[in-house]
PDB file of all heavy atoms in Angstrom:
ATOM      1  N   PRO A   1       0.851  -1.218  -0.007  1.00  0.00           N
ATOM      2  CA  PRO A   1       0.030  -0.009   0.002  1.00  0.00           C
ATOM      3  C   PRO A   1       0.854   1.260  -0.010  1.00  0.00           C
ATOM      4  O   PRO A   1       1.932   1.312   0.593  1.00  0.00           O
ATOM      5  CB  PRO A   1      -0.811  -0.107   1.306  1.00  0.00           C
ATOM      6  CG  PRO A   1       0.064  -0.974   2.166  1.00  0.00           C
ATOM      7  CD  PRO A   1       0.791  -1.951   1.274  1.00  0.00           C
ATOM      8  N   VAL A   2       0.357   2.260  -0.671  1.00  0.00           N
ATOM      9  CA  VAL A   2       1.001   3.580  -0.696  1.00  0.00           C
ATOM     10  C   VAL A   2       0.213   4.546   0.129  1.00  0.00           C
ATOM     11  O   VAL A   2      -0.988   4.778  -0.149  1.00  0.00           O
ATOM     12  CB  VAL A   2       1.162   4.113  -2.155  1.00  0.00           C
ATOM     13  CG1 VAL A   2       1.810   5.489  -2.165  1.00  0.00           C
ATOM     14  CG2 VAL A   2       1.937   3.125  -2.986  1.00  0.00           C
ATOM     15  N   PHE A   3       0.803   5.060   1.191  1.00  0.00           N
ATOM     16  CA  PHE A   3       0.060   5.890   2.138  1.00  0.00           C
ATOM     17  C   PHE A   3       0.203   7.399   1.895  1.00  0.00           C
ATOM     18  O   PHE A   3      -0.242   8.190   2.716  1.00  0.00           O
ATOM     19  CB  PHE A   3       0.551   5.577   3.549  1.00  0.00           C
ATOM     20  CG  PHE A   3       0.310   4.190   4.001  1.00  0.00           C
ATOM     21  CD1 PHE A   3       1.302   3.228   3.947  1.00  0.00           C
ATOM     22  CD2 PHE A   3      -0.942   3.810   4.507  1.00  0.00           C
ATOM     23  CE1 PHE A   3       1.056   1.944   4.369  1.00  0.00           C
ATOM     24  CE2 PHE A   3      -1.201   2.507   4.905  1.00  0.00           C
ATOM     25  CZ  PHE A   3      -0.164   1.565   4.846  1.00  0.00           C
ATOM     26  N   THR A   4       0.753   7.763   0.743  1.00  0.00           N
ATOM     27  CA  THR A   4       0.935   9.196   0.471  1.00  0.00           C
ATOM     28  C   THR A   4      -0.344  10.017   0.478  1.00  0.00           C
ATOM     29  O   THR A   4      -0.497  10.998   1.142  1.00  0.00           O
ATOM     30  CB  THR A   4       1.673   9.356  -0.854  1.00  0.00           C
ATOM     31  OG1 THR A   4       2.898   8.625  -0.881  1.00  0.00           O
ATOM     32  CG2 THR A   4       1.942  10.835  -1.108  1.00  0.00           C
ATOM     33  N   SER A   5      -1.343   9.504  -0.295  1.00  0.00           N
ATOM     34  CA  SER A   5      -2.635  10.203  -0.373  1.00  0.00           C
ATOM     35  C   SER A   5      -3.296  10.223   0.990  1.00  0.00           C
ATOM     36  O   SER A   5      -3.927  11.209   1.401  1.00  0.00           O
ATOM     37  CB  SER A   5      -3.514   9.542  -1.411  1.00  0.00           C
ATOM     38  OG  SER A   5      -2.919   9.596  -2.701  1.00  0.00           O
ATOM     39  N   LEU A   6      -3.246   9.089   1.729  1.00  0.00           N
ATOM     40  CA  LEU A   6      -3.850   9.010   3.017  1.00  0.00           C
ATOM     41  C   LEU A   6      -3.247  10.039   4.021  1.00  0.00           C
ATOM     42  O   LEU A   6      -3.957  10.728   4.754  1.00  0.00           O
ATOM     43  CB  LEU A   6      -3.739   7.616   3.591  1.00  0.00           C
ATOM     44  CG  LEU A   6      -4.317   7.404   5.006  1.00  0.00           C
ATOM     45  CD1 LEU A   6      -5.774   7.689   5.032  1.00  0.00           C
ATOM     46  CD2 LEU A   6      -4.035   5.988   5.486  1.00  0.00           C
ATOM     47  N   LEU A   7      -1.914  10.139   3.948  1.00  0.00           N
ATOM     48  CA  LEU A   7      -1.251  11.073   4.876  1.00  0.00           C
ATOM     49  C   LEU A   7      -1.620  12.517   4.499  1.00  0.00           C
ATOM     50  O   LEU A   7      -1.800  13.359   5.394  1.00  0.00           O
ATOM     51  CB  LEU A   7       0.250  10.875   4.787  1.00  0.00           C
ATOM     52  CG  LEU A   7       0.781   9.501   5.347  1.00  0.00           C
ATOM     53  CD1 LEU A   7       2.276   9.394   5.144  1.00  0.00           C
ATOM     54  CD2 LEU A   7       0.429   9.371   6.853  1.00  0.00           C
ATOM     55  N   LYS A   8      -1.728  12.806   3.263  1.00  0.00           N
ATOM     56  CA  LYS A   8      -2.100  14.166   2.853  1.00  0.00           C
ATOM     57  C   LYS A   8      -3.507  14.491   3.329  1.00  0.00           C
ATOM     58  O   LYS A   8      -3.770  15.605   3.818  1.00  0.00           O
ATOM     59  CB  LYS A   8      -2.020  14.338   1.336  1.00  0.00           C
ATOM     60  CG  LYS A   8      -0.619  14.312   0.795  1.00  0.00           C
ATOM     61  CD  LYS A   8      -0.613  14.505  -0.727  1.00  0.00           C
ATOM     62  CE  LYS A   8       0.804  14.511  -1.325  1.00  0.00           C
ATOM     63  NZ  LYS A   8       0.798  14.669  -2.805  1.00  0.00           N
ATOM     64  N   THR A   9      -4.394  13.493   3.233  1.00  0.00           N
ATOM     65  CA  THR A   9      -5.746  13.684   3.666  1.00  0.00           C
ATOM     66  C   THR A   9      -5.822  13.872   5.180  1.00  0.00           C
ATOM     67  O   THR A   9      -6.555  14.743   5.677  1.00  0.00           O
ATOM     68  CB  THR A   9      -6.634  12.477   3.248  1.00  0.00           C
ATOM     69  OG1 THR A   9      -6.474  12.300   1.815  1.00  0.00           O
ATOM     70  CG2 THR A   9      -8.053  12.751   3.602  1.00  0.00           C
ATOM     71  N   LEU A  10      -5.037  13.072   5.910  1.00  0.00           N
ATOM     72  CA  LEU A  10      -4.998  13.261   7.346  1.00  0.00           C
ATOM     73  C   LEU A  10      -4.454  14.620   7.759  1.00  0.00           C
ATOM     74  O   LEU A  10      -4.881  15.207   8.746  1.00  0.00           O
ATOM     75  CB  LEU A  10      -4.151  12.113   7.975  1.00  0.00           C
ATOM     76  CG  LEU A  10      -4.729  10.722   7.889  1.00  0.00           C
ATOM     77  CD1 LEU A  10      -3.714   9.700   8.442  1.00  0.00           C
ATOM     78  CD2 LEU A  10      -6.023  10.614   8.658  1.00  0.00           C
ATOM     79  N   ALA A  11      -3.514  15.092   6.980  1.00  0.00           N
ATOM     80  CA  ALA A  11      -2.949  16.432   7.254  1.00  0.00           C
ATOM     81  C   ALA A  11      -4.000  17.526   7.038  1.00  0.00           C
ATOM     82  O   ALA A  11      -4.090  18.469   7.801  1.00  0.00           O
ATOM     83  CB  ALA A  11      -1.768  16.664   6.363  1.00  0.00           C
ATOM     84  N   ILE A  12      -4.839  17.349   5.997  1.00  0.00           N
ATOM     85  CA  ILE A  12      -5.916  18.307   5.741  1.00  0.00           C
ATOM     86  C   ILE A  12      -6.910  18.273   6.904  1.00  0.00           C
ATOM     87  O   ILE A  12      -7.366  19.348   7.381  1.00  0.00           O
ATOM     88  CB  ILE A  12      -6.621  17.983   4.418  1.00  0.00           C
ATOM     89  CG1 ILE A  12      -5.617  18.182   3.238  1.00  0.00           C
ATOM     90  CG2 ILE A  12      -7.825  18.829   4.232  1.00  0.00           C
ATOM     91  CD1 ILE A  12      -6.161  17.783   1.908  1.00  0.00           C
ATOM     92  N   ILE A  13      -7.263  17.095   7.360  1.00  0.00           N
ATOM     93  CA  ILE A  13      -8.217  16.975   8.467  1.00  0.00           C
ATOM     94  C   ILE A  13      -7.596  17.603   9.708  1.00  0.00           C
ATOM     95  O   ILE A  13      -8.295  18.286  10.472  1.00  0.00           O
ATOM     96  CB  ILE A  13      -8.564  15.508   8.729  1.00  0.00           C
ATOM     97  CG1 ILE A  13      -9.312  14.913   7.537  1.00  0.00           C
ATOM     98  CG2 ILE A  13      -9.332  15.327   9.997  1.00  0.00           C
ATOM     99  CD1 ILE A  13      -9.721  13.474   7.718  1.00  0.00           C
ATOM    100  N   GLY A  14      -6.300  17.395   9.905  1.00  0.00           N
ATOM    101  CA  GLY A  14      -5.619  18.018  11.076  1.00  0.00           C
ATOM    102  C   GLY A  14      -5.673  19.506  11.001  1.00  0.00           C
ATOM    103  O   GLY A  14      -5.914  20.185  12.074  1.00  0.00           O
ATOM    104  N   VAL A  15      -5.470  20.091   9.840  1.00  0.00           N
ATOM    105  CA  VAL A  15      -5.524  21.561   9.724  1.00  0.00           C
ATOM    106  C   VAL A  15      -6.968  22.038   9.963  1.00  0.00           C
ATOM    107  O   VAL A  15      -7.177  23.083  10.634  1.00  0.00           O
ATOM    108  CB  VAL A  15      -5.123  21.966   8.267  1.00  0.00           C
ATOM    109  CG1 VAL A  15      -5.395  23.446   8.003  1.00  0.00           C
ATOM    110  CG2 VAL A  15      -3.639  21.657   8.050  1.00  0.00           C
ATOM    111  N   ILE A  16      -7.991  21.297   9.518  1.00  0.00           N
ATOM    112  CA  ILE A  16      -9.353  21.664   9.765  1.00  0.00           C
ATOM    113  C   ILE A  16      -9.650  21.685  11.287  1.00  0.00           C
ATOM    114  O   ILE A  16     -10.231  22.624  11.850  1.00  0.00           O
ATOM    115  CB  ILE A  16     -10.337  20.719   9.031  1.00  0.00           C
ATOM    116  CG1 ILE A  16     -10.163  20.920   7.506  1.00  0.00           C
ATOM    117  CG2 ILE A  16     -11.790  20.971   9.492  1.00  0.00           C
ATOM    118  CD1 ILE A  16     -11.043  19.956   6.725  1.00  0.00           C
ATOM    119  N   TYR A  17      -9.247  20.605  11.992  1.00  0.00           N
ATOM    120  CA  TYR A  17      -9.427  20.556  13.419  1.00  0.00           C
ATOM    121  C   TYR A  17      -8.646  21.682  14.128  1.00  0.00           C
ATOM    122  O   TYR A  17      -9.141  22.247  15.112  1.00  0.00           O
ATOM    123  CB  TYR A  17      -8.958  19.212  13.952  1.00  0.00           C
ATOM    124  CG  TYR A  17      -9.996  18.102  13.838  1.00  0.00           C
ATOM    125  CD1 TYR A  17      -9.710  16.975  13.092  1.00  0.00           C
ATOM    126  CD2 TYR A  17     -11.188  18.191  14.517  1.00  0.00           C
ATOM    127  CE1 TYR A  17     -10.654  15.963  12.955  1.00  0.00           C
ATOM    128  CE2 TYR A  17     -12.137  17.174  14.380  1.00  0.00           C
ATOM    129  CZ  TYR A  17     -11.841  16.025  13.610  1.00  0.00           C
ATOM    130  OH  TYR A  17     -12.788  15.070  13.511  1.00  0.00           O
ATOM    131  N   LEU A  18      -7.458  21.982  13.651  1.00  0.00           N
ATOM    132  CA  LEU A  18      -6.685  23.070  14.266  1.00  0.00           C
ATOM    133  C   LEU A  18      -7.352  24.409  14.084  1.00  0.00           C
ATOM    134  O   LEU A  18      -7.401  25.201  15.039  1.00  0.00           O
ATOM    135  CB  LEU A  18      -5.289  23.099  13.624  1.00  0.00           C
ATOM    136  CG  LEU A  18      -4.309  24.171  14.140  1.00  0.00           C
ATOM    137  CD1 LEU A  18      -4.058  23.970  15.619  1.00  0.00           C
ATOM    138  CD2 LEU A  18      -3.014  24.174  13.361  1.00  0.00           C
ATOM    139  N   ILE A  19      -7.907  24.675  12.909  1.00  0.00           N
ATOM    140  CA  ILE A  19      -8.622  25.907  12.668  1.00  0.00           C
ATOM    141  C   ILE A  19      -9.848  26.030  13.666  1.00  0.00           C
ATOM    142  O   ILE A  19     -10.136  27.046  14.250  1.00  0.00           O
ATOM    143  CB  ILE A  19      -9.099  26.018  11.217  1.00  0.00           C
ATOM    144  CG1 ILE A  19      -7.889  26.178  10.301  1.00  0.00           C
ATOM    145  CG2 ILE A  19     -10.055  27.196  11.024  1.00  0.00           C
ATOM    146  CD1 ILE A  19      -8.272  26.137   8.837  1.00  0.00           C
ATOM    147  N   GLY A  20     -10.588  24.908  13.743  1.00  0.00           N
ATOM    148  CA  GLY A  20     -11.716  24.917  14.673  1.00  0.00           C
ATOM    149  C   GLY A  20     -11.335  25.116  16.116  1.00  0.00           C
ATOM    150  O   GLY A  20     -11.969  25.895  16.858  1.00  0.00           O
ATOM    151  N   THR A  21     -10.240  24.486  16.555  1.00  0.00           N
ATOM    152  CA  THR A  21      -9.793  24.662  17.923  1.00  0.00           C
ATOM    153  C   THR A  21      -9.332  26.050  18.234  1.00  0.00           C
ATOM    154  O   THR A  21      -9.689  26.663  19.244  1.00  0.00           O
ATOM    155  CB  THR A  21      -8.658  23.664  18.251  1.00  0.00           C
ATOM    156  OG1 THR A  21      -9.102  22.302  17.972  1.00  0.00           O
ATOM    157  CG2 THR A  21      -8.206  23.752  19.669  1.00  0.00           C
ATOM    158  N   LEU A  22      -8.526  26.597  17.313  1.00  0.00           N
ATOM    159  CA  LEU A  22      -8.015  27.972  17.509  1.00  0.00           C
ATOM    160  C   LEU A  22      -9.189  29.011  17.487  1.00  0.00           C
ATOM    161  O   LEU A  22      -9.164  29.952  18.248  1.00  0.00           O
ATOM    162  CB  LEU A  22      -7.033  28.356  16.416  1.00  0.00           C
ATOM    163  CG  LEU A  22      -5.654  27.606  16.510  1.00  0.00           C
ATOM    164  CD1 LEU A  22      -4.770  28.007  15.312  1.00  0.00           C
ATOM    165  CD2 LEU A  22      -4.970  27.888  17.823  1.00  0.00           C
ATOM    166  N   SER A  23     -10.126  28.769  16.599  1.00  0.00           N
ATOM    167  CA  SER A  23     -11.296  29.696  16.532  1.00  0.00           C
ATOM    168  C   SER A  23     -12.068  29.651  17.845  1.00  0.00           C
ATOM    169  O   SER A  23     -12.479  30.670  18.365  1.00  0.00           O
ATOM    170  CB  SER A  23     -12.176  29.322  15.360  1.00  0.00           C
ATOM    171  OG  SER A  23     -11.515  29.441  14.120  1.00  0.00           O
ATOM    172  N   ASN A  24     -12.245  28.418  18.357  1.00  0.00           N
ATOM    173  CA  ASN A  24     -12.936  28.230  19.624  1.00  0.00           C
ATOM    174  C   ASN A  24     -12.229  28.960  20.755  1.00  0.00           C
ATOM    175  O   ASN A  24     -12.855  29.634  21.591  1.00  0.00           O
ATOM    176  CB  ASN A  24     -13.058  26.772  19.938  1.00  0.00           C
ATOM    177  CG  ASN A  24     -14.185  26.478  20.904  1.00  0.00           C
ATOM    178  OD1 ASN A  24     -14.678  27.352  21.592  1.00  0.00           O
ATOM    179  ND2 ASN A  24     -14.587  25.264  21.019  1.00  0.00           N
ATOM    180  N   LEU A  25     -10.892  28.824  20.809  1.00  0.00           N
ATOM    181  CA  LEU A  25     -10.106  29.475  21.850  1.00  0.00           C
ATOM    182  C   LEU A  25     -10.197  31.014  21.745  1.00  0.00           C
ATOM    183  O   LEU A  25     -10.360  31.712  22.741  1.00  0.00           O
ATOM    184  CB  LEU A  25      -8.668  29.028  21.727  1.00  0.00           C
ATOM    185  CG  LEU A  25      -7.646  29.687  22.654  1.00  0.00           C
ATOM    186  CD1 LEU A  25      -7.981  29.399  24.138  1.00  0.00           C
ATOM    187  CD2 LEU A  25      -6.230  29.272  22.346  1.00  0.00           C
ATOM    188  N   ILE A  26     -10.073  31.508  20.525  1.00  0.00           N
ATOM    189  CA  ILE A  26     -10.089  33.004  20.329  1.00  0.00           C
ATOM    190  C   ILE A  26     -11.405  33.579  20.733  1.00  0.00           C
ATOM    191  O   ILE A  26     -11.426  34.573  21.520  1.00  0.00           O
ATOM    192  CB  ILE A  26      -9.749  33.299  18.869  1.00  0.00           C
ATOM    193  CG1 ILE A  26      -8.307  32.947  18.541  1.00  0.00           C
ATOM    194  CG2 ILE A  26      -9.974  34.797  18.596  1.00  0.00           C
ATOM    195  CD1 ILE A  26      -7.922  33.060  17.056  1.00  0.00           C
ATOM    196  N   TYR A  27     -12.531  33.017  20.262  1.00  0.00           N
ATOM    197  CA  TYR A  27     -13.816  33.696  20.563  1.00  0.00           C
ATOM    198  C   TYR A  27     -14.179  33.546  22.041  1.00  0.00           C
ATOM    199  O   TYR A  27     -14.809  34.424  22.629  1.00  0.00           O
ATOM    200  CB  TYR A  27     -14.903  33.217  19.640  1.00  0.00           C
ATOM    201  CG  TYR A  27     -15.622  31.952  19.943  1.00  0.00           C
ATOM    202  CD1 TYR A  27     -16.517  31.838  21.004  1.00  0.00           C
ATOM    203  CD2 TYR A  27     -15.464  30.813  19.153  1.00  0.00           C
ATOM    204  CE1 TYR A  27     -17.224  30.724  21.290  1.00  0.00           C
ATOM    205  CE2 TYR A  27     -16.118  29.627  19.439  1.00  0.00           C
ATOM    206  CZ  TYR A  27     -17.006  29.579  20.518  1.00  0.00           C
ATOM    207  OH  TYR A  27     -17.695  28.402  20.745  1.00  0.00           O
ATOM    208  N   ASN A  28     -13.795  32.450  22.683  1.00  0.00           N
ATOM    209  CA  ASN A  28     -14.062  32.325  24.127  1.00  0.00           C
ATOM    210  C   ASN A  28     -13.266  33.315  24.928  1.00  0.00           C
ATOM    211  O   ASN A  28     -13.776  33.930  25.895  1.00  0.00           O
ATOM    212  CB  ASN A  28     -13.802  30.897  24.598  1.00  0.00           C
ATOM    213  CG  ASN A  28     -14.966  29.944  24.343  1.00  0.00           C
ATOM    214  OD1 ASN A  28     -16.026  30.069  24.956  1.00  0.00           O
ATOM    215  ND2 ASN A  28     -14.819  29.020  23.390  1.00  0.00           N
ATOM    216  N   ARG A  29     -11.963  33.460  24.523  1.00  0.00           N
ATOM    217  CA  ARG A  29     -11.142  34.397  25.255  1.00  0.00           C
ATOM    218  C   ARG A  29     -11.637  35.846  25.052  1.00  0.00           C
ATOM    219  O   ARG A  29     -11.642  36.626  26.022  1.00  0.00           O
ATOM    220  CB  ARG A  29      -9.700  34.248  24.724  1.00  0.00           C
ATOM    221  CG  ARG A  29      -8.662  35.187  25.434  1.00  0.00           C
ATOM    222  CD  ARG A  29      -8.524  34.804  26.879  1.00  0.00           C
ATOM    223  NE  ARG A  29      -7.604  35.656  27.560  1.00  0.00           N
ATOM    224  CZ  ARG A  29      -7.877  36.849  28.100  1.00  0.00           C
ATOM    225  NH1 ARG A  29      -9.165  37.305  27.976  1.00  0.00           N
ATOM    226  NH2 ARG A  29      -6.991  37.598  28.715  1.00  0.00           N
ATOM    227  N   MET A  30     -12.041  36.201  23.876  1.00  0.00           N
ATOM    228  CA  MET A  30     -12.511  37.540  23.608  1.00  0.00           C
ATOM    229  C   MET A  30     -13.838  37.861  24.313  1.00  0.00           C
ATOM    230  O   MET A  30     -14.097  38.940  24.794  1.00  0.00           O
ATOM    231  CB  MET A  30     -12.669  37.767  22.100  1.00  0.00           C
ATOM    232  CG  MET A  30     -11.378  37.747  21.328  1.00  0.00           C
ATOM    233  SD  MET A  30     -11.554  38.222  19.607  1.00  0.00           S
ATOM    234  CE  MET A  30     -12.029  39.943  19.758  1.00  0.00           C
ATOM    235  N   MET A  31     -14.703  36.820  24.442  1.00  0.00           N
ATOM    236  CA  MET A  31     -15.991  37.020  25.108  1.00  0.00           C
ATOM    237  C   MET A  31     -15.797  37.232  26.588  1.00  0.00           C
ATOM    238  O   MET A  31     -16.558  38.011  27.218  1.00  0.00           O
ATOM    239  CB  MET A  31     -16.912  35.787  24.878  1.00  0.00           C
ATOM    240  CG  MET A  31     -17.518  35.706  23.491  1.00  0.00           C
ATOM    241  SD  MET A  31     -18.446  37.186  23.024  1.00  0.00           S
ATOM    242  CE  MET A  31     -19.719  37.204  24.254  1.00  0.00           C
ATOM    243  N   VAL A  32     -14.736  36.631  27.181  1.00  0.00           N
ATOM    244  CA  VAL A  32     -14.450  36.898  28.605  1.00  0.00           C
ATOM    245  C   VAL A  32     -14.063  38.351  28.762  1.00  0.00           C
ATOM    246  O   VAL A  32     -14.551  39.023  29.720  1.00  0.00           O
ATOM    247  CB  VAL A  32     -13.366  35.950  29.076  1.00  0.00           C
ATOM    248  CG1 VAL A  32     -12.886  36.377  30.458  1.00  0.00           C
ATOM    249  CG2 VAL A  32     -13.836  34.519  29.085  1.00  0.00           C
ATOM    250  N   THR A  33     -13.220  38.858  27.878  1.00  0.00           N
ATOM    251  CA  THR A  33     -12.813  40.260  27.983  1.00  0.00           C
ATOM    252  C   THR A  33     -13.972  41.196  27.771  1.00  0.00           C
ATOM    253  O   THR A  33     -14.115  42.202  28.510  1.00  0.00           O
ATOM    254  CB  THR A  33     -11.742  40.576  26.883  1.00  0.00           C
ATOM    255  OG1 THR A  33     -10.621  39.646  27.069  1.00  0.00           O
ATOM    256  CG2 THR A  33     -11.227  41.974  26.999  1.00  0.00           C
ATOM    257  N   ILE A  34     -14.811  40.907  26.814  1.00  0.00           N
ATOM    258  CA  ILE A  34     -16.005  41.737  26.554  1.00  0.00           C
ATOM    259  C   ILE A  34     -16.941  41.716  27.787  1.00  0.00           C
ATOM    260  O   ILE A  34     -17.481  42.725  28.181  1.00  0.00           O
ATOM    261  CB  ILE A  34     -16.730  41.252  25.281  1.00  0.00           C
ATOM    262  CG1 ILE A  34     -15.912  41.458  24.047  1.00  0.00           C
ATOM    263  CG2 ILE A  34     -18.116  41.927  25.141  1.00  0.00           C
ATOM    264  CD1 ILE A  34     -16.456  40.851  22.811  1.00  0.00           C
ATOM    265  N   ALA A  35     -17.115  40.550  28.375  1.00  0.00           N
ATOM    266  CA  ALA A  35     -18.004  40.431  29.529  1.00  0.00           C
ATOM    267  C   ALA A  35     -17.504  41.267  30.682  1.00  0.00           C
ATOM    268  O   ALA A  35     -18.287  41.978  31.336  1.00  0.00           O
ATOM    269  CB  ALA A  35     -18.162  38.988  29.931  1.00  0.00           C
ATOM    270  N   GLN A  36     -16.197  41.171  30.981  1.00  0.00           N
ATOM    271  CA  GLN A  36     -15.628  41.919  32.112  1.00  0.00           C
ATOM    272  C   GLN A  36     -15.696  43.427  31.860  1.00  0.00           C
ATOM    273  O   GLN A  36     -16.020  44.194  32.783  1.00  0.00           O
ATOM    274  CB  GLN A  36     -14.194  41.506  32.332  1.00  0.00           C
ATOM    275  CG  GLN A  36     -14.018  40.060  32.763  1.00  0.00           C
ATOM    276  CD  GLN A  36     -14.717  39.804  34.135  1.00  0.00           C
ATOM    277  OE1 GLN A  36     -14.897  40.650  34.948  1.00  0.00           O
ATOM    278  NE2 GLN A  36     -15.057  38.534  34.363  1.00  0.00           N
ATOM    279  N   GLY A  37     -15.459  43.879  30.653  1.00  0.00           N
ATOM    280  CA  GLY A  37     -15.537  45.262  30.327  1.00  0.00           C
ATOM    281  C   GLY A  37     -16.971  45.835  30.437  1.00  0.00           C
ATOM    282  O   GLY A  37     -17.219  46.925  30.952  1.00  0.00           O
ATOM    283  N   THR A  38     -17.947  44.984  29.971  1.00  0.00           N
ATOM    284  CA  THR A  38     -19.336  45.400  30.058  1.00  0.00           C
ATOM    285  C   THR A  38     -19.794  45.471  31.502  1.00  0.00           C
ATOM    286  O   THR A  38     -20.505  46.415  31.895  1.00  0.00           O
ATOM    287  CB  THR A  38     -20.200  44.368  29.284  1.00  0.00           C
ATOM    288  OG1 THR A  38     -19.772  44.299  27.950  1.00  0.00           O
ATOM    289  CG2 THR A  38     -21.656  44.802  29.332  1.00  0.00           C
ATOM    290  N   LEU A  39     -19.383  44.515  32.337  1.00  0.00           N
ATOM    291  CA  LEU A  39     -19.777  44.569  33.737  1.00  0.00           C
ATOM    292  C   LEU A  39     -19.171  45.750  34.471  1.00  0.00           C
ATOM    293  O   LEU A  39     -19.794  46.305  35.396  1.00  0.00           O
ATOM    294  CB  LEU A  39     -19.345  43.252  34.436  1.00  0.00           C
ATOM    295  CG  LEU A  39     -20.144  41.995  34.029  1.00  0.00           C
ATOM    296  CD1 LEU A  39     -19.799  40.826  34.928  1.00  0.00           C
ATOM    297  CD2 LEU A  39     -21.621  42.231  34.124  1.00  0.00           C
TER     298      LEU A  39
END
């Protein structure tokens, strides 16, 4: 078996998960700042 295509696909999935995780971290962190400033 040649795993080149599989590894590329796994890398793409990893990038997608990384984008989702970073986005989740950023908006949660910003909402905490917004909440404290509003209060």
